[in-house]
């Protein structure tokens, strides 16, 4: 199985890429191919918008490639996503696409257009986290057919998983997929609790008319200190806004910006394929 990696947002270091390749040696049959664009630098981004879009299209349209793994998050994918998706051909439709956080922008667009199999999953840059090698191994094992790394609460209903900020920014745009009947898992990082509450207000208001099956909340981590206590924890906020908008509250999810982040294949097709 050949996996190509590109960086739709921010660059990966060559040292991190080398560490991932070293881990992959324990998984016979997997070949990792890092596109040179992963290491490009153009200000905040891993190359210009055009260069990032071109690298993604090259990987996705490569008929010898089985999966496209996004190397790192950080803001940037939204600037190139529509142009990148518009250039995909038939070879892109059978692939698995893996990532999370800002990469959720591309996963959403792929899912909207029914291109391939989008999957919320850890990325190579997670090696920088405490215990990050386990997160990367979770993906390598999953690519070899080991489904133990999938989020344990997934059931017979289709599911998607997003960073809360990313999902909030997707609502109302051309990249937003149809989530009717889906269980929506969300997580957040580095936002004040009042900002998380604001995001939940916006996201639940946008999701309620879609007829989703319910909402689950992953970890809200690295919350900055504020000058006063907010007075409610993230789960309480989620339950409040679900009740306000009539969305079923389905409890906690094992996803987040950490080394315990678990895998969520979008929809049902990829989970059924692995059974």
Protein backbone atom coordinates (compact mmCIF):
# COMPACT_ATOMS: atom_id res chain seq x y z
CA UNK A 1 0.00 0.00 0.00
CA UNK A 2 1.46 3.34 -1.06
CA UNK A 3 0.60 6.41 1.00
CA UNK A 4 1.44 9.85 -0.33
CA UNK A 5 1.71 12.80 2.05
CA UNK A 6 1.18 16.47 1.37
CA UNK A 7 0.72 19.54 3.55
CA UNK A 8 -2.38 21.61 2.71
CA UNK A 9 -1.66 24.15 5.43
CA UNK A 10 1.65 24.45 7.27
CA UNK A 11 5.02 22.74 6.72
CA UNK A 12 6.39 19.58 8.29
CA UNK A 13 10.04 19.27 9.30
CA UNK A 14 12.23 16.76 7.52
CA UNK A 15 13.18 15.32 10.91
CA UNK A 16 9.52 14.56 11.67
CA UNK A 17 9.10 12.96 8.26
CA UNK A 18 12.15 10.77 8.87
CA UNK A 19 10.75 9.65 12.23
CA UNK A 20 7.44 8.66 10.63
CA UNK A 21 9.24 6.69 7.92
CA UNK A 22 11.22 4.94 10.64
CA UNK A 23 8.00 3.97 12.49
CA UNK A 24 6.50 2.71 9.23
CA UNK A 25 9.26 0.09 8.93
CA UNK A 26 7.32 -1.91 11.51
CA UNK A 27 4.39 -2.17 9.09
CA UNK A 28 5.39 -4.34 6.12
CA UNK A 29 3.59 -3.48 2.95
CA UNK A 30 3.26 0.25 3.69
CA UNK A 31 5.30 2.74 1.67
CA UNK A 32 5.28 6.41 2.68
CA UNK A 33 6.04 9.03 0.04
CA UNK A 34 6.39 12.60 1.32
CA UNK A 35 5.77 15.17 -1.39
CA UNK A 36 8.57 17.81 -1.41
CA UNK A 37 5.89 20.43 -0.89
CA UNK A 38 5.54 19.21 2.74
CA UNK A 39 8.82 21.00 3.51
CA UNK A 40 8.24 24.21 1.54
CA UNK A 41 7.87 27.49 3.44
CA UNK A 42 6.01 30.56 2.26
CA UNK A 43 5.36 32.72 5.31
CA UNK A 44 2.93 30.82 7.52
CA UNK A 45 2.20 28.23 4.85
CA UNK A 46 3.80 25.14 3.30
CA UNK A 47 4.26 26.90 -0.02
CA UNK A 48 1.90 29.19 -1.88
CA UNK A 49 -1.82 28.44 -2.14
CA UNK A 50 -1.24 27.29 -5.74
CA UNK A 51 1.66 25.04 -4.76
CA UNK A 52 -0.29 23.41 -1.94
CA UNK A 53 -3.29 22.81 -4.20
CA UNK A 54 -1.06 21.35 -6.92
CA UNK A 55 0.65 18.97 -4.50
CA UNK A 56 -2.69 17.73 -3.21
CA UNK A 57 -4.01 17.20 -6.74
CA UNK A 58 -0.84 15.34 -7.73
CA UNK A 59 -1.16 12.97 -4.78
CA UNK A 60 -4.91 12.47 -5.15
CA UNK A 61 -4.73 11.91 -8.91
CA UNK A 62 -1.81 9.47 -8.73
CA UNK A 63 -3.21 6.07 -9.83
CA UNK A 64 -0.36 4.27 -8.04
CA UNK A 65 -1.30 5.81 -4.68
CA UNK A 66 -3.81 4.19 -2.28
CA UNK A 67 -4.13 6.88 0.38
CA UNK A 68 -3.38 10.56 0.91
CA UNK A 69 -2.27 11.47 4.44
CA UNK A 70 -2.14 15.12 5.41
CA UNK A 71 1.14 15.85 7.14
CA UNK A 72 0.10 18.65 9.47
CA UNK A 73 -2.73 21.01 10.39
CA UNK A 74 -2.51 24.71 11.14
CA UNK A 75 -4.53 27.27 9.22
CA UNK A 76 -4.31 27.22 5.44
CA UNK A 77 -6.35 24.48 3.75
CA UNK A 78 -9.40 26.70 3.26
CA UNK A 79 -7.38 29.00 0.97
CA UNK A 80 -6.76 26.25 -1.57
CA UNK A 81 -9.48 23.66 -0.98
CA UNK A 82 -12.01 24.60 -3.66
CA UNK A 83 -9.37 24.91 -6.38
CA UNK A 84 -7.74 21.66 -5.29
CA UNK A 85 -10.98 19.70 -5.25
CA UNK A 86 -12.03 21.04 -8.64
CA UNK A 87 -8.97 19.44 -10.23
CA UNK A 88 -9.57 15.86 -9.10
CA UNK A 89 -10.02 13.07 -11.62
CA UNK A 90 -11.22 9.49 -11.51
CA UNK A 91 -8.08 8.18 -9.76
CA UNK A 92 -8.92 10.33 -6.73
CA UNK A 93 -12.23 8.57 -6.10
CA UNK A 94 -10.93 5.30 -4.70
CA UNK A 95 -8.48 6.70 -2.16
CA UNK A 96 -8.52 7.11 1.60
CA UNK A 97 -7.83 10.67 2.85
CA UNK A 98 -6.61 11.09 6.42
CA UNK A 99 -6.14 14.07 8.73
CA UNK A 100 -7.89 16.30 11.24
CA UNK A 101 -7.99 19.85 12.60
CA UNK A 102 -7.60 22.30 9.69
CA UNK A 103 -7.42 19.34 7.29
CA UNK A 104 -11.09 18.87 8.11
CA UNK A 105 -11.71 21.54 5.49
CA UNK A 106 -10.57 19.16 2.75
CA UNK A 107 -12.22 16.14 4.36
CA UNK A 108 -15.51 18.05 4.34
CA UNK A 109 -15.20 18.99 0.68
CA UNK A 110 -14.26 15.45 -0.30
CA UNK A 111 -17.21 14.08 1.62
CA UNK A 112 -19.55 16.63 0.10
CA UNK A 113 -18.45 15.59 -3.40
CA UNK A 114 -18.41 11.86 -2.56
CA UNK A 115 -14.75 11.60 -3.51
CA UNK A 116 -12.87 8.77 -1.85
CA UNK A 117 -13.04 7.90 1.84
CA UNK A 118 -12.34 10.84 4.21
CA UNK A 119 -11.09 9.81 7.66
CA UNK A 120 -10.50 11.87 10.81
CA UNK A 121 -7.13 10.57 11.99
CA UNK A 122 -3.85 11.65 13.63
CA UNK A 123 -1.16 13.17 11.42
CA UNK A 124 2.66 12.91 11.28
CA UNK A 125 3.05 16.25 13.10
CA UNK A 126 1.47 14.60 16.16
CA UNK A 127 4.89 13.07 16.81
CA UNK A 128 5.68 16.35 18.57
CA UNK A 129 3.04 15.65 21.20
CA UNK A 130 3.70 13.69 24.37
CA UNK A 131 3.07 10.08 23.37
CA UNK A 132 2.67 11.10 19.74
CA UNK A 133 4.33 7.98 18.35
CA UNK A 134 1.31 5.99 19.55
CA UNK A 135 -1.00 8.28 17.59
CA UNK A 136 1.02 7.81 14.40
CA UNK A 137 1.14 4.06 14.96
CA UNK A 138 -2.64 4.08 15.36
CA UNK A 139 -2.92 5.33 11.78
CA UNK A 140 -0.25 3.03 10.37
CA UNK A 141 -1.99 0.07 11.98
CA UNK A 142 -5.37 1.18 10.67
CA UNK A 143 -3.99 1.41 7.15
CA UNK A 144 -2.86 -2.22 7.56
CA UNK A 145 -6.39 -3.25 8.54
CA UNK A 146 -6.28 -2.95 12.34
CA UNK A 147 -9.53 -1.21 13.34
CA UNK A 148 -8.66 -1.12 17.08
CA UNK A 149 -7.70 2.55 16.74
CA UNK A 150 -11.20 3.65 15.73
CA UNK A 151 -13.25 5.77 18.11
CA UNK A 152 -14.96 3.24 20.41
CA UNK A 153 -18.41 4.86 20.41
CA UNK A 154 -19.05 4.55 16.67
CA UNK A 155 -22.24 2.65 15.93
CA UNK A 156 -24.47 1.75 12.99
CA UNK A 157 -25.11 5.40 12.17
CA UNK A 158 -22.88 7.40 9.82
CA UNK A 159 -20.46 9.70 11.61
CA UNK A 160 -18.12 12.60 10.95
CA UNK A 161 -15.56 14.31 13.18
CA UNK A 162 -14.30 17.89 13.10
CA UNK A 163 -12.45 20.47 15.08
CA UNK A 164 -15.18 22.77 16.39
CA UNK A 165 -13.67 25.96 14.95
CA UNK A 166 -13.14 24.30 11.58
CA UNK A 167 -16.74 23.09 11.47
CA UNK A 168 -18.03 26.52 12.48
CA UNK A 169 -16.11 28.12 9.62
CA UNK A 170 -17.39 25.50 7.15
CA UNK A 171 -21.07 26.09 7.87
CA UNK A 172 -22.72 28.19 5.21
CA UNK A 173 -19.92 27.62 2.68
CA UNK A 174 -19.72 25.58 -0.51
CA UNK A 175 -17.49 23.04 1.28
CA UNK A 176 -20.09 22.01 3.85
CA UNK A 177 -21.35 18.44 3.30
CA UNK A 178 -24.85 17.11 3.88
CA UNK A 179 -24.83 15.70 7.42
CA UNK A 180 -28.45 14.57 7.68
CA UNK A 181 -28.67 11.47 9.86
CA UNK A 182 -25.03 11.72 10.97
CA UNK A 183 -23.56 11.62 14.44
CA UNK A 184 -21.28 14.67 14.58
CA UNK A 185 -18.18 14.46 16.80
CA UNK A 186 -16.38 17.71 17.65
CA UNK A 187 -13.30 18.71 19.65
CA UNK A 188 -11.40 21.92 20.31
CA UNK A 189 -8.00 23.23 21.39
CA UNK A 190 -6.52 26.52 22.60
CA UNK A 191 -9.79 28.45 22.87
CA UNK A 192 -11.18 30.25 25.93
CA UNK A 193 -14.25 28.56 27.39
CA UNK A 194 -16.43 31.51 26.43
CA UNK A 195 -15.23 31.06 22.84
CA UNK A 196 -16.10 27.36 22.97
CA UNK A 197 -19.58 28.31 24.15
CA UNK A 198 -19.88 30.78 21.27
CA UNK A 199 -18.76 28.13 18.78
CA UNK A 200 -21.30 25.66 20.13
CA UNK A 201 -24.03 28.29 19.75
CA UNK A 202 -23.11 28.77 16.10
CA UNK A 203 -22.52 25.12 15.21
CA UNK A 204 -25.68 23.77 16.84
CA UNK A 205 -27.77 26.47 15.19
CA UNK A 206 -26.31 25.48 11.81
CA UNK A 207 -26.59 21.71 12.36
CA UNK A 208 -30.11 21.57 13.79
CA UNK A 209 -31.91 22.26 10.46
CA UNK A 210 -29.83 19.54 8.78
CA UNK A 211 -31.44 16.77 10.82
CA UNK A 212 -28.27 15.32 12.30
CA UNK A 213 -28.57 12.20 14.48
CA UNK A 214 -26.84 13.88 17.40
CA UNK A 215 -23.71 15.54 18.77
CA UNK A 216 -20.79 14.07 20.72
CA UNK A 217 -18.04 16.16 22.31
CA UNK A 218 -14.39 15.18 22.35
CA UNK A 219 -11.72 16.82 24.44
CA UNK A 220 -11.44 20.59 24.82
CA UNK A 221 -7.78 21.04 25.68
CA UNK A 222 -5.14 23.70 26.36
CA UNK A 223 -7.78 26.21 27.43
CA UNK A 224 -6.15 29.62 28.01
CA UNK A 225 -6.57 31.25 31.41
CA UNK A 226 -9.17 34.01 31.57
CA UNK A 227 -9.62 36.85 34.05
CA UNK A 228 -12.76 35.17 35.42
CA UNK A 229 -14.22 31.69 35.56
CA UNK A 230 -16.74 30.95 32.83
CA UNK A 231 -18.92 28.90 35.15
CA UNK A 232 -19.60 25.88 32.96
CA UNK A 233 -17.53 23.01 31.64
CA UNK A 234 -17.51 22.11 27.91
CA UNK A 235 -19.86 19.13 28.31
CA UNK A 236 -22.36 21.33 30.14
CA UNK A 237 -22.17 23.89 27.34
CA UNK A 238 -22.72 21.22 24.68
CA UNK A 239 -25.74 19.84 26.52
CA UNK A 240 -27.15 23.36 26.94
CA UNK A 241 -26.91 24.20 23.23
CA UNK A 242 -28.15 20.78 22.16
CA UNK A 243 -31.21 21.23 24.35
CA UNK A 244 -31.73 24.76 23.03
CA UNK A 245 -31.64 23.64 19.38
CA UNK A 246 -33.29 20.23 19.70
CA UNK A 247 -30.17 18.20 18.84
CA UNK A 248 -29.73 14.85 20.59
CA UNK A 249 -26.85 14.97 23.07
CA UNK A 250 -24.93 11.71 22.71
CA UNK A 251 -22.13 12.20 25.24
CA UNK A 252 -18.34 12.14 25.13
CA UNK A 253 -16.09 11.19 22.22
CA UNK A 254 -12.49 9.95 22.28
CA UNK A 255 -11.03 12.53 19.90
CA UNK A 256 -8.95 15.65 20.45
CA UNK A 257 -5.72 17.50 19.79
CA UNK A 258 -3.64 14.96 21.70
CA UNK A 259 -1.96 11.59 21.37
CA UNK A 260 -5.20 9.78 22.33
CA UNK A 261 -7.02 11.14 19.27
CA UNK A 262 -8.91 8.21 17.72
CA UNK A 263 -9.90 7.46 14.15
CA UNK A 264 -13.33 8.30 12.73
CA UNK A 265 -14.05 7.19 9.16
CA UNK A 266 -16.62 9.52 7.63
CA UNK A 267 -19.97 7.92 6.85
CA UNK A 268 -20.24 4.14 6.87
CA UNK A 269 -18.52 2.94 3.70
CA UNK A 270 -14.96 2.88 5.06
CA UNK A 271 -15.98 1.13 8.28
CA UNK A 272 -17.93 -1.47 6.32
CA UNK A 273 -14.99 -1.95 3.95
CA UNK A 274 -12.74 -2.78 6.90
CA UNK A 275 -15.08 -5.41 8.37
